[in-house]
């Protein structure tokens, strides 16, 4: 699947992301959602189409907002998943994931710490302690953070869009 091909209307993207269409249109108009070249504005009298990558960004953004993250920060953190290959794979960071992709089984988790500009997407096993995601060691001690399991979110988006994994 081409992650950057604009295929989805704003209404389809909103449904898949779990947000009201008017809210998504507002975010697009205000620039809260980071559009890229593939997500060009609608032609005169036409319909704006969004890429799969952008739909994933909006879905992650919606879930982060539900956790209490401000929309602008949620958009930036979601962009970190959809458009950056940040993270640490099963071999302690040697395996990079593709932008907007999950690690292979069992879990990919978006980790956002309060003062970090970008999130990390971490690979986790069922035996990985949750505390390893909630805290980051810094020179000043431990900083708390939040984590968002990405696998069920991506699956939910794919089901709504009619995609098979």
Protein backbone atom coordinates (compact mmCIF):
# COMPACT_ATOMS: atom_id res chain seq x y z
CA UNK A 1 0.00 0.00 0.00
CA UNK A 2 1.26 3.48 -0.85
CA UNK A 3 1.03 5.41 2.42
CA UNK A 4 1.18 8.75 0.61
CA UNK A 5 -1.42 8.32 -2.12
CA UNK A 6 -4.40 10.59 -1.39
CA UNK A 7 -7.38 8.22 -1.38
CA UNK A 8 -9.68 9.22 1.48
CA UNK A 9 -12.18 12.04 1.72
CA UNK A 10 -12.21 14.16 4.85
CA UNK A 11 -15.43 12.40 5.89
CA UNK A 12 -13.82 8.94 5.49
CA UNK A 13 -10.72 10.08 7.37
CA UNK A 14 -12.82 11.52 10.19
CA UNK A 15 -14.84 8.32 10.54
CA UNK A 16 -11.72 6.15 10.58
CA UNK A 17 -10.02 8.44 13.12
CA UNK A 18 -13.06 8.69 15.36
CA UNK A 19 -13.57 12.45 15.11
CA UNK A 20 -16.43 14.65 13.95
CA UNK A 21 -16.02 15.77 10.31
CA UNK A 22 -16.37 19.45 11.24
CA UNK A 23 -13.58 19.15 13.81
CA UNK A 24 -11.24 17.55 11.27
CA UNK A 25 -12.09 20.23 8.68
CA UNK A 26 -11.32 22.88 11.31
CA UNK A 27 -7.95 21.26 12.15
CA UNK A 28 -7.10 21.14 8.45
CA UNK A 29 -8.11 24.76 7.91
CA UNK A 30 -6.13 25.97 10.95
CA UNK A 31 -3.09 23.88 10.06
CA UNK A 32 -3.31 21.83 13.27
CA UNK A 33 -2.89 18.67 11.18
CA UNK A 34 0.44 18.74 9.33
CA UNK A 35 -0.41 18.26 5.67
CA UNK A 36 2.34 17.12 3.34
CA UNK A 37 2.76 17.38 -0.43
CA UNK A 38 0.65 14.25 -1.04
CA UNK A 39 -2.23 15.82 0.89
CA UNK A 40 -2.64 18.75 -1.46
CA UNK A 41 -5.64 21.00 -1.06
CA UNK A 42 -8.76 20.31 -3.04
CA UNK A 43 -8.90 21.48 -6.64
CA UNK A 44 -11.42 24.25 -7.34
CA UNK A 45 -14.83 22.73 -6.74
CA UNK A 46 -13.24 19.38 -5.93
CA UNK A 47 -12.84 17.24 -2.86
CA UNK A 48 -9.75 17.22 -0.66
CA UNK A 49 -8.29 13.74 -0.38
CA UNK A 50 -6.01 12.58 2.42
CA UNK A 51 -3.38 9.87 2.41
CA UNK A 52 -3.36 6.79 4.61
CA UNK A 53 -0.43 8.35 6.49
CA UNK A 54 -2.52 11.43 7.30
CA UNK A 55 -5.50 9.35 8.43
CA UNK A 56 -3.19 7.52 10.85
CA UNK A 57 -1.83 10.83 12.12
CA UNK A 58 -5.34 12.10 12.81
CA UNK A 59 -6.34 8.84 14.55
CA UNK A 60 -3.30 8.97 16.86
CA UNK A 61 -3.99 12.66 17.47
CA UNK A 62 -7.60 11.94 18.48
CA UNK A 63 -6.54 9.26 20.96
CA UNK A 64 -3.87 11.54 22.46
CA UNK A 65 -6.42 14.35 22.87
CA UNK A 66 -8.68 11.88 24.68
CA UNK A 67 -5.76 11.33 27.09
CA UNK A 68 -5.61 15.07 27.80
CA UNK A 69 -2.91 16.20 25.35
CA UNK A 70 -3.52 19.64 23.77
CA UNK A 71 -4.43 19.40 20.05
CA UNK A 72 -1.29 21.15 18.73
CA UNK A 73 1.01 18.88 20.78
CA UNK A 74 -1.10 15.82 19.92
CA UNK A 75 -0.69 16.64 16.23
CA UNK A 76 3.10 16.93 16.56
CA UNK A 77 3.34 13.68 18.55
CA UNK A 78 1.10 11.88 16.03
CA UNK A 79 3.27 13.24 13.20
CA UNK A 80 6.20 11.57 14.97
CA UNK A 81 4.49 8.22 14.39
CA UNK A 82 3.07 8.83 10.93
CA UNK A 83 5.99 10.67 9.32
CA UNK A 84 9.14 9.95 11.33
CA UNK A 85 10.85 6.61 11.95
CA UNK A 86 11.59 7.26 15.62
CA UNK A 87 11.77 4.39 18.03
CA UNK A 88 13.63 1.44 19.40
CA UNK A 89 13.12 -1.99 17.91
CA UNK A 90 13.51 -5.44 19.42
CA UNK A 91 17.28 -5.27 18.96
CA UNK A 92 17.59 -2.09 21.07
CA UNK A 93 17.17 0.37 18.25
CA UNK A 94 19.11 -1.30 15.46
CA UNK A 95 15.94 -2.14 13.53
CA UNK A 96 14.09 0.94 12.37
CA UNK A 97 10.42 0.84 11.56
CA UNK A 98 9.02 2.46 8.46
CA UNK A 99 7.26 5.79 8.88
CA UNK A 100 3.67 5.18 9.92
CA UNK A 101 4.31 1.46 10.38
CA UNK A 102 4.14 -0.77 13.40
CA UNK A 103 6.88 -3.06 14.58
CA UNK A 104 6.19 -6.74 14.04
CA UNK A 105 4.33 -8.58 16.79
CA UNK A 106 3.49 -8.25 19.51
CA UNK A 107 3.15 -4.51 20.30
CA UNK A 108 4.17 -1.03 19.15
CA UNK A 109 3.71 1.71 21.73
CA UNK A 110 3.97 5.47 21.24
CA UNK A 111 5.80 6.98 24.22
CA UNK A 112 5.65 10.71 24.83
CA UNK A 113 7.54 12.41 27.63
CA UNK A 114 6.48 15.90 28.79
CA UNK A 115 9.51 17.81 27.56
CA UNK A 116 10.40 15.79 24.47
CA UNK A 117 9.61 17.39 21.13
CA UNK A 118 9.01 14.05 19.39
CA UNK A 119 7.69 10.74 20.66
CA UNK A 120 9.36 7.37 20.36
CA UNK A 121 7.64 4.26 19.09
CA UNK A 122 8.85 1.29 21.07
CA UNK A 123 8.61 -2.41 20.43
CA UNK A 124 7.26 -4.33 23.41
CA UNK A 125 6.78 -7.94 24.34
CA UNK A 126 3.97 -9.16 26.57
CA UNK A 127 6.55 -9.46 29.36
CA UNK A 128 7.89 -5.87 29.05
CA UNK A 129 7.19 -3.98 32.31
CA UNK A 130 4.93 -0.95 31.84
CA UNK A 131 7.30 1.14 33.96
CA UNK A 132 9.90 0.96 31.20
CA UNK A 133 7.55 3.04 29.05
CA UNK A 134 6.29 5.41 31.72
CA UNK A 135 9.66 6.72 32.80
CA UNK A 136 12.74 8.00 31.07
CA UNK A 137 16.01 8.35 32.93
CA UNK A 138 17.45 11.85 32.70
CA UNK A 139 20.24 13.76 34.42
CA UNK A 140 17.58 15.27 36.70
CA UNK A 141 15.91 12.02 37.72
CA UNK A 142 12.82 10.39 36.29
CA UNK A 143 10.31 12.12 34.05
CA UNK A 144 6.83 10.71 33.78
CA UNK A 145 5.20 10.26 30.41
CA UNK A 146 2.27 8.68 28.63
CA UNK A 147 2.03 5.75 26.33
CA UNK A 148 -0.44 4.84 23.64
CA UNK A 149 -0.71 1.29 22.25
CA UNK A 150 -0.70 1.71 18.47
CA UNK A 151 -1.64 -1.78 17.28
CA UNK A 152 -5.37 -1.59 18.19
CA UNK A 153 -5.58 1.97 16.90
CA UNK A 154 -4.11 1.07 13.49
CA UNK A 155 -6.32 -2.02 13.30
CA UNK A 156 -9.41 0.10 14.07
CA UNK A 157 -8.49 2.55 11.28
CA UNK A 158 -7.89 -0.31 8.82
CA UNK A 159 -11.24 -1.94 9.64
CA UNK A 160 -13.15 1.30 9.07
CA UNK A 161 -11.28 1.94 5.80
CA UNK A 162 -11.88 -1.63 4.63
CA UNK A 163 -8.19 -2.55 4.51
CA UNK A 164 -6.87 -6.01 5.24
CA UNK A 165 -3.65 -6.30 7.21
